[in-house]
């Protein structure tokens, strides 16, 4: 059942990229990549912005360079994880922001943005770990060094596997249709909660297995 479900999703992903195959990075139309953010333009240079972050207590009110503009000119985007993945690794060339993976907590003015950045980083790291473990990208390769088309392909494969892993862990292989597959449109908060639930389930399963082993050993001891 699992292999059949994976096969159906693989066909969907392959079909989408077949339509875009053969198009060079600089020739991709805005329509073709409308759902993955700004097309990378290597002729543009990402900028740094000099401003004072009121949250930077150690900075003593001194301006520092940041990869983004201050709030409210910049806010972490509320978009699906597929779009976040592209911004995370490729940045936003239109606004001259570099890859969002370089943003730190001291680049953000609001505490809620810091919390959101932490959630985004956890989900992005989860996806990248899956991509590396399934050999979609090499251990030492950087997604941002690839073409945007290839970067999106890696996301779709890793996102597909993330769903399979989480659904199997939480519901079992016989319930793969519980969550369905929404092609990268899930919010970061949804995937973050899914990650926490998956980790908690793994922890509970390990504890249950450990208790079962102890019980078996006790039974063997009593029989002796």
N, C-alpha and C. Protein backbone atom coordinates (compact mmCIF):
# COMPACT_ATOMS: atom_id res chain seq x y z
N UNK A 1 0.84 -1.21 0.00
CA UNK A 1 0.00 0.00 0.00
C UNK A 1 0.87 1.26 0.00
N UNK A 2 1.93 1.24 0.82
CA UNK A 2 2.82 2.38 0.89
C UNK A 2 3.49 2.65 -0.45
N UNK A 3 3.96 1.60 -1.13
CA UNK A 3 4.65 1.78 -2.40
C UNK A 3 3.71 2.33 -3.46
N UNK A 4 2.44 1.91 -3.44
CA UNK A 4 1.46 2.40 -4.42
C UNK A 4 1.17 3.87 -4.19
N UNK A 5 1.04 4.26 -2.91
CA UNK A 5 0.76 5.66 -2.58
C UNK A 5 1.93 6.54 -2.99
N UNK A 6 3.16 6.09 -2.73
CA UNK A 6 4.34 6.85 -3.12
C UNK A 6 4.42 6.99 -4.63
N UNK A 7 4.03 5.92 -5.34
CA UNK A 7 4.09 5.94 -6.79
C UNK A 7 3.17 7.00 -7.37
N UNK A 8 1.96 7.13 -6.79
CA UNK A 8 1.00 8.13 -7.27
C UNK A 8 1.55 9.54 -7.09
N UNK A 9 2.18 9.82 -5.95
CA UNK A 9 2.72 11.14 -5.69
C UNK A 9 3.92 11.40 -6.57
N UNK A 10 4.74 10.38 -6.80
CA UNK A 10 5.92 10.51 -7.66
C UNK A 10 5.49 10.93 -9.06
N UNK A 11 4.37 10.36 -9.57
CA UNK A 11 3.87 10.71 -10.89
C UNK A 11 3.43 12.17 -10.93
N UNK A 12 2.80 12.64 -9.82
CA UNK A 12 2.35 14.04 -9.77
C UNK A 12 3.53 14.99 -9.82
N UNK A 13 4.56 14.70 -9.02
CA UNK A 13 5.75 15.55 -8.99
C UNK A 13 6.45 15.54 -10.33
N UNK A 14 6.62 14.34 -10.91
CA UNK A 14 7.31 14.20 -12.19
C UNK A 14 6.58 14.94 -13.29
N UNK A 15 5.24 14.83 -13.30
CA UNK A 15 4.44 15.49 -14.33
C UNK A 15 4.63 16.99 -14.28
N UNK A 16 4.64 17.55 -13.07
CA UNK A 16 4.81 19.00 -12.92
C UNK A 16 6.14 19.47 -13.47
N UNK A 17 7.21 18.74 -13.17
CA UNK A 17 8.53 19.18 -13.59
C UNK A 17 8.82 18.85 -15.04
N UNK A 18 8.10 17.89 -15.63
CA UNK A 18 8.24 17.62 -17.05
C UNK A 18 7.80 18.83 -17.85
N UNK A 19 6.76 19.51 -17.36
CA UNK A 19 6.24 20.69 -18.05
C UNK A 19 7.25 21.84 -18.03
N UNK A 20 8.13 21.84 -17.01
CA UNK A 20 9.09 22.92 -16.86
C UNK A 20 10.48 22.53 -17.32
N UNK A 21 10.67 21.25 -17.69
CA UNK A 21 11.99 20.75 -18.05
C UNK A 21 12.53 21.48 -19.28
N UNK A 22 13.82 21.68 -19.30
CA UNK A 22 14.47 22.27 -20.45
C UNK A 22 14.49 23.78 -20.44
N UNK A 23 13.93 24.38 -19.39
CA UNK A 23 13.92 25.84 -19.32
C UNK A 23 15.06 26.28 -18.44
N UNK A 24 15.94 27.14 -18.94
CA UNK A 24 17.09 27.60 -18.17
C UNK A 24 16.66 28.52 -17.05
N UNK A 25 17.52 28.69 -16.04
CA UNK A 25 17.18 29.50 -14.88
C UNK A 25 16.74 30.90 -15.27
N UNK A 26 17.45 31.53 -16.20
CA UNK A 26 17.15 32.92 -16.54
C UNK A 26 16.00 33.03 -17.53
N UNK A 27 15.54 31.88 -18.04
CA UNK A 27 14.47 31.91 -19.01
C UNK A 27 13.14 31.49 -18.42
N UNK A 28 13.13 31.11 -17.11
CA UNK A 28 11.89 30.67 -16.49
C UNK A 28 10.93 31.85 -16.42
N UNK A 29 9.73 31.65 -16.88
CA UNK A 29 8.74 32.73 -16.86
C UNK A 29 8.24 32.93 -15.44
N UNK A 30 7.71 34.11 -15.15
CA UNK A 30 7.17 34.36 -13.81
C UNK A 30 5.96 33.49 -13.56
N UNK A 31 5.24 33.12 -14.59
CA UNK A 31 4.09 32.26 -14.40
C UNK A 31 4.52 30.87 -13.97
N UNK A 32 5.63 30.39 -14.53
CA UNK A 32 6.09 29.04 -14.22
C UNK A 32 6.54 28.90 -12.78
N UNK A 33 6.98 29.98 -12.17
CA UNK A 33 7.47 29.90 -10.80
C UNK A 33 6.70 30.82 -9.87
N UNK A 34 5.47 31.11 -10.21
CA UNK A 34 4.69 32.06 -9.42
C UNK A 34 4.51 31.60 -7.98
N UNK A 35 4.54 30.27 -7.76
CA UNK A 35 4.29 29.76 -6.41
C UNK A 35 5.57 29.51 -5.63
N UNK A 36 6.73 29.86 -6.19
CA UNK A 36 7.97 29.58 -5.47
C UNK A 36 8.80 30.83 -5.26
N UNK A 37 8.20 32.00 -5.37
CA UNK A 37 8.92 33.23 -5.06
C UNK A 37 9.64 33.82 -6.26
N UNK A 38 10.50 34.76 -5.99
CA UNK A 38 11.19 35.50 -7.04
C UNK A 38 12.24 34.64 -7.73
N UNK A 39 12.34 34.79 -9.06
CA UNK A 39 13.36 34.07 -9.81
C UNK A 39 14.73 34.65 -9.48
N UNK A 40 15.67 33.79 -9.25
CA UNK A 40 17.02 34.25 -8.93
C UNK A 40 17.66 34.92 -10.13
N UNK A 41 18.23 36.07 -9.93
CA UNK A 41 18.92 36.80 -10.98
C UNK A 41 20.35 37.03 -10.52
N UNK A 42 21.30 36.31 -11.12
CA UNK A 42 22.68 36.37 -10.66
C UNK A 42 23.33 37.73 -10.90
N UNK A 43 22.68 38.59 -11.70
CA UNK A 43 23.23 39.92 -11.94
C UNK A 43 22.94 40.86 -10.78
N UNK A 44 22.03 40.45 -9.88
CA UNK A 44 21.69 41.27 -8.72
C UNK A 44 22.53 40.84 -7.52
N UNK A 45 22.85 41.78 -6.68
CA UNK A 45 23.64 41.49 -5.50
C UNK A 45 22.77 41.68 -4.26
N UNK A 46 22.76 40.69 -3.38
CA UNK A 46 22.02 40.82 -2.14
C UNK A 46 22.69 41.88 -1.26
N UNK A 47 21.89 42.65 -0.57
CA UNK A 47 22.41 43.77 0.21
C UNK A 47 22.38 43.50 1.71
N UNK A 48 23.11 44.33 2.46
CA UNK A 48 23.02 44.38 3.91
C UNK A 48 22.44 45.73 4.29
N UNK A 49 21.74 45.79 5.41
CA UNK A 49 21.03 47.01 5.79
C UNK A 49 21.47 47.43 7.19
N UNK A 50 21.85 48.70 7.32
CA UNK A 50 22.37 49.22 8.57
C UNK A 50 21.25 49.84 9.40
N UNK A 51 20.97 49.26 10.56
CA UNK A 51 19.94 49.80 11.45
C UNK A 51 20.13 49.28 12.87
N UNK A 52 19.45 49.91 13.81
CA UNK A 52 19.56 49.54 15.22
C UNK A 52 18.39 48.64 15.61
N UNK A 53 18.71 47.49 16.17
CA UNK A 53 17.67 46.59 16.65
C UNK A 53 17.47 46.84 18.15
N UNK A 54 16.29 47.29 18.56
CA UNK A 54 16.04 47.58 19.99
C UNK A 54 16.15 46.33 20.87
N UNK A 55 16.07 45.14 20.26
CA UNK A 55 16.19 43.90 21.03
C UNK A 55 17.65 43.55 21.32
N UNK A 56 18.58 44.19 20.64
CA UNK A 56 20.00 43.90 20.80
C UNK A 56 20.55 44.70 21.98
N UNK A 57 20.41 44.13 23.18
CA UNK A 57 20.83 44.83 24.40
C UNK A 57 22.34 45.01 24.45
N UNK A 58 23.09 44.03 23.93
CA UNK A 58 24.55 44.11 23.97
C UNK A 58 25.08 45.14 22.96
N UNK A 59 24.25 45.45 21.97
CA UNK A 59 24.69 46.39 20.95
C UNK A 59 24.73 47.84 21.42
N UNK A 60 24.14 48.09 22.60
CA UNK A 60 24.15 49.43 23.21
C UNK A 60 23.68 50.52 22.24
N UNK A 61 22.65 50.20 21.47
CA UNK A 61 22.08 51.20 20.58
C UNK A 61 22.92 51.54 19.37
N UNK A 62 23.90 50.69 19.07
CA UNK A 62 24.76 50.95 17.92
C UNK A 62 24.18 50.27 16.67
N UNK A 63 24.18 50.97 15.54
CA UNK A 63 23.66 50.35 14.31
C UNK A 63 24.57 49.22 13.84
N UNK A 64 23.94 48.18 13.32
CA UNK A 64 24.69 47.04 12.79
C UNK A 64 24.10 46.65 11.43
N UNK A 65 24.90 45.92 10.66
CA UNK A 65 24.42 45.45 9.36
C UNK A 65 23.58 44.18 9.55
N UNK A 66 22.46 44.15 8.84
CA UNK A 66 21.55 43.01 8.89
C UNK A 66 21.21 42.59 7.46
N UNK A 67 20.86 41.31 7.27
CA UNK A 67 20.52 40.85 5.91
C UNK A 67 19.12 41.26 5.47
N UNK A 68 18.36 41.89 6.37
CA UNK A 68 16.99 42.30 6.07
C UNK A 68 16.75 43.70 6.63
N UNK A 69 15.65 44.32 6.18
CA UNK A 69 15.26 45.62 6.71
C UNK A 69 14.52 45.43 8.04
N UNK A 70 14.41 46.48 8.84
CA UNK A 70 13.72 46.35 10.13
C UNK A 70 12.21 46.26 9.97
N UNK A 71 11.54 45.76 11.00
CA UNK A 71 10.08 45.75 11.05
C UNK A 71 9.59 47.21 11.07
N UNK A 72 8.53 47.56 10.36
CA UNK A 72 7.60 46.69 9.63
C UNK A 72 7.94 46.50 8.15
N UNK A 73 9.11 46.97 7.72
CA UNK A 73 9.47 46.79 6.31
C UNK A 73 9.69 45.32 5.97
N UNK A 74 10.13 44.56 6.97
CA UNK A 74 10.30 43.12 6.76
C UNK A 74 9.57 42.35 7.85
N UNK A 75 8.80 41.36 7.41
CA UNK A 75 8.19 40.38 8.30
C UNK A 75 8.37 39.01 7.67
N UNK A 76 8.56 37.98 8.49
CA UNK A 76 8.65 36.63 7.95
C UNK A 76 7.34 36.32 7.23
N UNK A 77 7.41 35.86 5.99
CA UNK A 77 6.20 35.66 5.19
C UNK A 77 5.31 34.54 5.72
N UNK A 78 4.03 34.76 5.62
CA UNK A 78 3.05 33.75 6.04
C UNK A 78 2.58 33.02 4.78
N UNK A 79 3.42 32.12 4.32
CA UNK A 79 3.14 31.36 3.10
C UNK A 79 3.38 29.88 3.37
N UNK A 80 3.05 29.03 2.40
CA UNK A 80 3.25 27.60 2.55
C UNK A 80 4.72 27.23 2.66
N UNK A 81 4.99 26.04 3.16
CA UNK A 81 6.37 25.65 3.41
C UNK A 81 7.19 25.53 2.12
N UNK A 82 6.54 25.30 0.99
CA UNK A 82 7.26 25.24 -0.28
C UNK A 82 7.87 26.59 -0.63
N UNK A 83 7.09 27.65 -0.44
CA UNK A 83 7.60 29.01 -0.70
C UNK A 83 8.69 29.39 0.29
N UNK A 84 8.49 29.01 1.55
CA UNK A 84 9.50 29.29 2.58
C UNK A 84 10.81 28.59 2.24
N UNK A 85 10.72 27.36 1.78
CA UNK A 85 11.92 26.60 1.40
C UNK A 85 12.74 27.37 0.36
N UNK A 86 12.07 27.93 -0.65
CA UNK A 86 12.77 28.65 -1.70
C UNK A 86 13.40 29.93 -1.16
N UNK A 87 12.67 30.67 -0.33
CA UNK A 87 13.23 31.88 0.27
C UNK A 87 14.37 31.53 1.23
N UNK A 88 14.23 30.43 1.92
CA UNK A 88 15.23 30.00 2.90
C UNK A 88 16.59 29.74 2.23
N UNK A 89 16.54 29.16 1.04
CA UNK A 89 17.79 28.78 0.37
C UNK A 89 18.22 29.76 -0.74
N UNK A 90 17.27 30.49 -1.32
CA UNK A 90 17.59 31.35 -2.46
C UNK A 90 17.37 32.84 -2.21
N UNK A 91 16.70 33.17 -1.13
CA UNK A 91 16.46 34.57 -0.83
C UNK A 91 15.40 35.20 -1.71
N UNK A 92 15.33 36.52 -1.65
CA UNK A 92 14.37 37.28 -2.44
C UNK A 92 15.14 38.34 -3.22
N UNK A 93 15.47 38.02 -4.47
CA UNK A 93 16.30 38.91 -5.29
C UNK A 93 15.62 40.24 -5.55
N UNK A 94 14.30 40.25 -5.63
CA UNK A 94 13.57 41.49 -5.91
C UNK A 94 13.79 42.52 -4.80
N UNK A 95 13.79 42.06 -3.55
CA UNK A 95 14.00 42.96 -2.42
C UNK A 95 15.45 42.97 -1.95
N UNK A 96 16.30 42.21 -2.67
CA UNK A 96 17.74 42.13 -2.39
C UNK A 96 18.04 41.52 -1.03
N UNK A 97 17.15 40.61 -0.58
CA UNK A 97 17.39 39.86 0.64
C UNK A 97 18.10 38.55 0.26
N UNK A 98 19.17 38.22 0.97
CA UNK A 98 19.85 36.97 0.74
C UNK A 98 19.04 35.80 1.29
N UNK A 99 19.56 34.58 1.20
CA UNK A 99 18.84 33.41 1.72
C UNK A 99 18.41 33.62 3.18
N UNK A 100 17.17 33.33 3.46
CA UNK A 100 16.62 33.57 4.79
C UNK A 100 17.27 32.70 5.85
N UNK A 101 18.00 31.66 5.46
CA UNK A 101 18.66 30.78 6.43
C UNK A 101 19.74 31.55 7.20
N UNK A 102 20.17 32.70 6.68
CA UNK A 102 21.20 33.49 7.35
C UNK A 102 20.62 34.48 8.36
N UNK A 103 19.29 34.57 8.43
CA UNK A 103 18.66 35.46 9.39
C UNK A 103 18.82 34.89 10.80
N UNK A 104 19.18 35.74 11.76
CA UNK A 104 19.30 35.31 13.15
C UNK A 104 18.27 36.04 14.00
N UNK A 105 18.18 35.65 15.27
CA UNK A 105 17.20 36.27 16.15
C UNK A 105 17.47 37.77 16.34
N UNK A 106 18.74 38.19 16.24
CA UNK A 106 19.07 39.60 16.41
C UNK A 106 18.85 40.42 15.14
N UNK A 107 18.36 39.76 14.09
CA UNK A 107 17.96 40.48 12.88
C UNK A 107 16.47 40.80 12.91
N UNK A 108 15.77 40.33 13.94
CA UNK A 108 14.33 40.51 14.04
C UNK A 108 13.98 41.38 15.24
N UNK A 109 13.00 42.26 15.05
CA UNK A 109 12.66 43.23 16.08
C UNK A 109 11.62 42.71 17.07
N UNK A 110 10.79 41.78 16.64
CA UNK A 110 9.68 41.32 17.47
C UNK A 110 9.91 39.90 17.98
N UNK A 111 9.50 39.66 19.22
CA UNK A 111 9.68 38.34 19.83
C UNK A 111 8.90 37.27 19.06
N UNK A 112 7.71 37.61 18.60
CA UNK A 112 6.91 36.63 17.88
C UNK A 112 7.59 36.20 16.58
N UNK A 113 8.34 37.13 15.98
CA UNK A 113 9.08 36.79 14.77
C UNK A 113 10.25 35.85 15.09
N UNK A 114 10.86 36.05 16.26
CA UNK A 114 11.94 35.16 16.69
C UNK A 114 11.42 33.74 16.89
N UNK A 115 10.25 33.64 17.51
CA UNK A 115 9.62 32.32 17.72
C UNK A 115 9.31 31.66 16.39
N UNK A 116 8.78 32.45 15.46
CA UNK A 116 8.45 31.91 14.13
C UNK A 116 9.71 31.46 13.39
N UNK A 117 10.79 32.23 13.50
CA UNK A 117 12.04 31.86 12.86
C UNK A 117 12.54 30.52 13.39
N UNK A 118 12.41 30.30 14.69
CA UNK A 118 12.83 29.04 15.30
C UNK A 118 12.04 27.87 14.73
N UNK A 119 10.74 28.06 14.54
CA UNK A 119 9.89 27.01 13.98
C UNK A 119 10.26 26.73 12.52
N UNK A 120 10.49 27.82 11.77
CA UNK A 120 10.87 27.66 10.37
C UNK A 120 12.18 26.89 10.25
N UNK A 121 13.15 27.26 11.07
CA UNK A 121 14.46 26.60 11.01
C UNK A 121 14.34 25.10 11.32
N UNK A 122 13.53 24.76 12.30
CA UNK A 122 13.35 23.36 12.67
C UNK A 122 12.74 22.56 11.52
N UNK A 123 11.73 23.13 10.87
CA UNK A 123 11.07 22.45 9.75
C UNK A 123 12.01 22.36 8.55
N UNK A 124 12.73 23.44 8.25
CA UNK A 124 13.67 23.42 7.12
C UNK A 124 14.79 22.41 7.35
N UNK A 125 15.30 22.33 8.58
CA UNK A 125 16.34 21.35 8.91
C UNK A 125 15.80 19.93 8.78
N UNK A 126 14.55 19.74 9.18
CA UNK A 126 13.90 18.42 9.08
C UNK A 126 13.83 17.98 7.61
N UNK A 127 13.38 18.89 6.77
CA UNK A 127 13.28 18.60 5.34
C UNK A 127 14.65 18.31 4.73
N UNK A 128 15.65 19.11 5.10
CA UNK A 128 16.99 18.91 4.55
C UNK A 128 17.59 17.58 5.01
N UNK A 129 17.36 17.22 6.27
CA UNK A 129 17.85 15.94 6.78
C UNK A 129 17.25 14.78 5.99
N UNK A 130 15.96 14.90 5.67
CA UNK A 130 15.29 13.86 4.89
C UNK A 130 15.88 13.80 3.48
N UNK A 131 16.10 14.97 2.88
CA UNK A 131 16.67 15.02 1.52
C UNK A 131 18.05 14.38 1.48
N UNK A 132 18.86 14.64 2.51
CA UNK A 132 20.21 14.07 2.56
C UNK A 132 20.16 12.57 2.80
N UNK A 133 19.29 12.14 3.72
CA UNK A 133 19.21 10.71 4.05
C UNK A 133 18.69 9.88 2.88
N UNK A 134 17.92 10.50 1.97
CA UNK A 134 17.40 9.79 0.80
C UNK A 134 18.23 10.07 -0.46
N UNK A 135 19.38 10.73 -0.25
CA UNK A 135 20.32 10.99 -1.35
C UNK A 135 19.73 11.88 -2.46
N UNK A 136 18.81 12.78 -2.08
CA UNK A 136 18.32 13.75 -3.05
C UNK A 136 19.34 14.88 -3.22
N UNK A 137 20.20 15.03 -2.21
CA UNK A 137 21.28 16.01 -2.26
C UNK A 137 22.43 15.48 -1.42
N UNK A 138 23.65 15.80 -1.79
CA UNK A 138 24.81 15.31 -1.07
C UNK A 138 24.97 15.97 0.29
N UNK A 139 25.67 15.28 1.19
CA UNK A 139 25.88 15.76 2.55
C UNK A 139 26.50 17.15 2.58
N UNK A 140 27.43 17.39 1.69
CA UNK A 140 28.16 18.66 1.68
C UNK A 140 27.67 19.65 0.63
N UNK A 141 26.59 19.30 -0.08
CA UNK A 141 26.03 20.20 -1.08
C UNK A 141 25.15 21.25 -0.43
N UNK A 142 25.05 22.41 -1.05
CA UNK A 142 24.18 23.48 -0.59
C UNK A 142 23.04 23.66 -1.57
N UNK A 143 21.81 23.64 -1.06
CA UNK A 143 20.65 23.80 -1.93
C UNK A 143 20.74 25.11 -2.69
N UNK A 144 21.19 26.17 -2.03
CA UNK A 144 21.27 27.48 -2.64
C UNK A 144 22.26 27.59 -3.78
N UNK A 145 23.15 26.60 -3.92
CA UNK A 145 24.11 26.59 -5.02
C UNK A 145 23.54 25.92 -6.26
N UNK A 146 22.38 25.30 -6.12
CA UNK A 146 21.73 24.64 -7.25
C UNK A 146 20.82 25.63 -7.97
N UNK A 147 20.25 25.20 -9.07
CA UNK A 147 19.26 26.03 -9.74
C UNK A 147 17.98 26.03 -8.90
N UNK A 148 17.14 27.03 -9.08
CA UNK A 148 15.89 27.09 -8.33
C UNK A 148 14.99 25.91 -8.70
N UNK A 149 15.04 25.51 -9.94
CA UNK A 149 14.22 24.38 -10.39
C UNK A 149 14.63 23.11 -9.66
N UNK A 150 15.94 22.88 -9.56
CA UNK A 150 16.44 21.71 -8.86
C UNK A 150 16.16 21.81 -7.36
N UNK A 151 16.27 23.02 -6.81
CA UNK A 151 15.97 23.22 -5.40
C UNK A 151 14.52 22.89 -5.08
N UNK A 152 13.63 23.28 -5.97
CA UNK A 152 12.22 22.97 -5.77
C UNK A 152 11.95 21.47 -5.89
N UNK A 153 12.65 20.82 -6.83
CA UNK A 153 12.48 19.38 -7.00
C UNK A 153 12.89 18.63 -5.73
N UNK A 154 13.99 19.05 -5.12
CA UNK A 154 14.46 18.43 -3.89
C UNK A 154 13.43 18.63 -2.78
N UNK A 155 12.85 19.83 -2.71
CA UNK A 155 11.83 20.09 -1.70
C UNK A 155 10.65 19.13 -1.87
N UNK A 156 10.16 19.01 -3.09
CA UNK A 156 8.97 18.19 -3.30
C UNK A 156 9.19 16.73 -2.92
N UNK A 157 10.37 16.22 -3.23
CA UNK A 157 10.68 14.84 -2.87
C UNK A 157 10.79 14.69 -1.35
N UNK A 158 11.48 15.63 -0.71
CA UNK A 158 11.66 15.56 0.74
C UNK A 158 10.33 15.77 1.47
N UNK A 159 9.52 16.69 0.94
CA UNK A 159 8.21 16.97 1.55
C UNK A 159 7.30 15.75 1.45
N UNK A 160 7.35 15.08 0.32
CA UNK A 160 6.57 13.86 0.14
C UNK A 160 6.97 12.82 1.19
N UNK A 161 8.28 12.61 1.35
CA UNK A 161 8.77 11.61 2.30
C UNK A 161 8.49 12.03 3.74
N UNK A 162 8.55 13.33 4.01
CA UNK A 162 8.23 13.82 5.35
C UNK A 162 6.82 13.43 5.73
N UNK A 163 5.89 13.60 4.82
CA UNK A 163 4.50 13.22 5.08
C UNK A 163 4.36 11.74 5.33
N UNK A 164 5.02 10.92 4.51
CA UNK A 164 4.95 9.48 4.68
C UNK A 164 5.50 9.06 6.04
N UNK A 165 6.67 9.61 6.40
CA UNK A 165 7.31 9.25 7.66
C UNK A 165 6.44 9.63 8.85
N UNK A 166 5.89 10.86 8.81
CA UNK A 166 5.08 11.34 9.92
C UNK A 166 3.77 10.56 10.03
N UNK A 167 3.12 10.31 8.90
CA UNK A 167 1.84 9.60 8.92
C UNK A 167 2.02 8.17 9.40
N UNK A 168 3.07 7.50 8.92
CA UNK A 168 3.35 6.14 9.37
C UNK A 168 3.61 6.10 10.86
N UNK A 169 4.39 7.08 11.34
CA UNK A 169 4.76 7.11 12.76
C UNK A 169 3.54 7.33 13.64
N UNK A 170 2.65 8.22 13.20
CA UNK A 170 1.50 8.59 14.01
C UNK A 170 0.30 7.66 13.84
N UNK A 171 0.07 7.20 12.60
CA UNK A 171 -1.15 6.45 12.33
C UNK A 171 -0.91 5.01 11.85
N UNK A 172 0.31 4.71 11.45
CA UNK A 172 0.58 3.38 10.92
C UNK A 172 0.42 3.34 9.42
N UNK A 173 1.07 2.34 8.79
CA UNK A 173 1.07 2.25 7.33
C UNK A 173 -0.30 2.04 6.74
N UNK A 174 -1.22 1.45 7.50
CA UNK A 174 -2.57 1.17 6.97
C UNK A 174 -3.46 2.40 6.93
N UNK A 175 -2.95 3.53 7.41
CA UNK A 175 -3.77 4.75 7.46
C UNK A 175 -3.10 5.91 6.73
N UNK A 176 -2.47 5.62 5.60
CA UNK A 176 -1.72 6.65 4.87
C UNK A 176 -2.61 7.73 4.28
N UNK A 177 -3.91 7.45 4.17
CA UNK A 177 -4.81 8.44 3.58
C UNK A 177 -5.37 9.42 4.61
N UNK A 178 -4.96 9.27 5.87
CA UNK A 178 -5.50 10.13 6.93
C UNK A 178 -5.21 11.59 6.67
N UNK A 179 -3.94 11.91 6.38
CA UNK A 179 -3.55 13.32 6.21
C UNK A 179 -3.57 13.77 4.76
N UNK A 180 -3.45 12.83 3.84
CA UNK A 180 -3.43 13.20 2.42
C UNK A 180 -2.14 13.89 2.04
N UNK A 181 -2.11 14.41 0.82
CA UNK A 181 -0.89 15.05 0.31
C UNK A 181 -1.29 16.35 -0.36
N UNK A 182 -0.74 17.47 0.12
CA UNK A 182 -1.19 18.78 -0.37
C UNK A 182 -0.09 19.55 -1.08
N UNK A 183 0.91 18.85 -1.56
CA UNK A 183 1.93 19.42 -2.45
C UNK A 183 2.56 20.71 -1.93
N UNK A 184 3.02 20.67 -0.69
CA UNK A 184 3.82 21.77 -0.17
C UNK A 184 3.06 22.97 0.32
N UNK A 185 1.73 22.87 0.48
CA UNK A 185 0.95 24.03 0.87
C UNK A 185 0.73 24.14 2.38
N UNK A 186 1.19 23.16 3.14
CA UNK A 186 0.98 23.20 4.57
C UNK A 186 1.78 24.34 5.20
N UNK A 187 1.20 24.94 6.22
CA UNK A 187 1.86 26.05 6.92
C UNK A 187 3.00 25.51 7.77
N UNK A 188 3.96 26.40 8.07
CA UNK A 188 5.08 26.02 8.92
C UNK A 188 4.59 25.54 10.28
N UNK A 189 3.60 26.23 10.85
CA UNK A 189 3.08 25.86 12.17
C UNK A 189 2.53 24.44 12.16
N UNK A 190 1.86 24.07 11.06
CA UNK A 190 1.30 22.72 10.94
C UNK A 190 2.39 21.67 10.94
N UNK A 191 3.44 21.91 10.15
CA UNK A 191 4.53 20.95 10.07
C UNK A 191 5.35 20.93 11.36
N UNK A 192 5.48 22.08 12.01
CA UNK A 192 6.20 22.14 13.28
C UNK A 192 5.48 21.29 14.33
N UNK A 193 4.17 21.44 14.41
CA UNK A 193 3.39 20.64 15.36
C UNK A 193 3.48 19.16 15.00
N UNK A 194 3.49 18.87 13.71
CA UNK A 194 3.60 17.49 13.26
C UNK A 194 4.94 16.90 13.68
N UNK A 195 5.99 17.72 13.58
CA UNK A 195 7.33 17.28 14.00
C UNK A 195 7.34 16.96 15.49
N UNK A 196 6.74 17.83 16.31
CA UNK A 196 6.71 17.60 17.75
C UNK A 196 5.92 16.34 18.10
N UNK A 197 4.79 16.15 17.41
CA UNK A 197 3.97 14.96 17.67
C UNK A 197 4.73 13.70 17.27
N UNK A 198 5.44 13.77 16.15
CA UNK A 198 6.21 12.62 15.69
C UNK A 198 7.31 12.26 16.68
N UNK A 199 8.01 13.28 17.17
CA UNK A 199 9.08 13.05 18.14
C UNK A 199 8.52 12.48 19.44
N UNK A 200 7.35 12.99 19.87
CA UNK A 200 6.73 12.50 21.09
C UNK A 200 6.28 11.04 20.94
N UNK A 201 5.73 10.73 19.75
CA UNK A 201 5.30 9.36 19.49
C UNK A 201 6.48 8.40 19.49
N UNK A 202 7.59 8.82 18.88
CA UNK A 202 8.79 7.98 18.87
C UNK A 202 9.28 7.74 20.29
N UNK A 203 9.25 8.80 21.10
CA UNK A 203 9.71 8.68 22.48
C UNK A 203 8.83 7.70 23.26
N UNK A 204 7.52 7.81 23.06
CA UNK A 204 6.59 6.91 23.75
C UNK A 204 6.76 5.47 23.28
N UNK A 205 7.00 5.30 21.97
CA UNK A 205 7.20 3.94 21.44
C UNK A 205 8.47 3.31 22.00
N UNK A 206 9.55 4.13 22.10
CA UNK A 206 10.79 3.61 22.67
C UNK A 206 10.60 3.21 24.13
N UNK A 207 9.86 4.04 24.87
CA UNK A 207 9.61 3.75 26.27
C UNK A 207 8.78 2.47 26.41
N UNK A 208 7.76 2.33 25.54
CA UNK A 208 6.90 1.15 25.59
C UNK A 208 7.70 -0.11 25.26
N UNK A 209 8.56 -0.01 24.25
CA UNK A 209 9.39 -1.15 23.87
C UNK A 209 10.33 -1.53 25.00
N UNK A 210 10.90 -0.51 25.65
CA UNK A 210 11.81 -0.75 26.77
C UNK A 210 11.10 -1.45 27.91
N UNK A 211 9.88 -1.02 28.20
CA UNK A 211 9.09 -1.63 29.28
C UNK A 211 8.74 -3.07 28.95
N UNK A 212 8.45 -3.31 27.66
CA UNK A 212 8.11 -4.68 27.24
C UNK A 212 9.31 -5.61 27.38
N UNK A 213 10.50 -5.08 27.07
CA UNK A 213 11.72 -5.88 27.20
C UNK A 213 11.98 -6.22 28.66
N UNK A 214 11.78 -5.24 29.54
CA UNK A 214 11.98 -5.47 30.97
C UNK A 214 11.01 -6.52 31.48
N UNK A 215 9.73 -6.42 31.02
CA UNK A 215 8.71 -7.38 31.43
C UNK A 215 9.09 -8.79 30.98
N UNK A 216 9.55 -8.92 29.75
CA UNK A 216 9.96 -10.22 29.23
C UNK A 216 11.11 -10.80 30.04
N UNK A 217 12.06 -9.93 30.39
CA UNK A 217 13.21 -10.39 31.17
C UNK A 217 12.78 -10.84 32.56
N UNK A 218 11.80 -10.14 33.14
CA UNK A 218 11.29 -10.53 34.46
C UNK A 218 10.60 -11.87 34.38
N UNK A 219 9.82 -12.10 33.29
CA UNK A 219 9.12 -13.36 33.13
C UNK A 219 10.12 -14.51 33.00
N UNK A 220 11.18 -14.27 32.23
CA UNK A 220 12.21 -15.29 32.07
C UNK A 220 12.86 -15.59 33.40
N UNK A 221 13.12 -14.54 34.20
CA UNK A 221 13.75 -14.71 35.51
C UNK A 221 12.87 -15.54 36.42
N UNK A 222 11.55 -15.25 36.40
CA UNK A 222 10.63 -15.99 37.25
C UNK A 222 10.54 -17.45 36.85
N UNK A 223 10.62 -17.70 35.55
CA UNK A 223 10.55 -19.08 35.07
C UNK A 223 11.79 -19.87 35.53
N UNK A 224 12.91 -19.16 35.61
CA UNK A 224 14.14 -19.81 36.06
C UNK A 224 14.02 -20.11 37.56
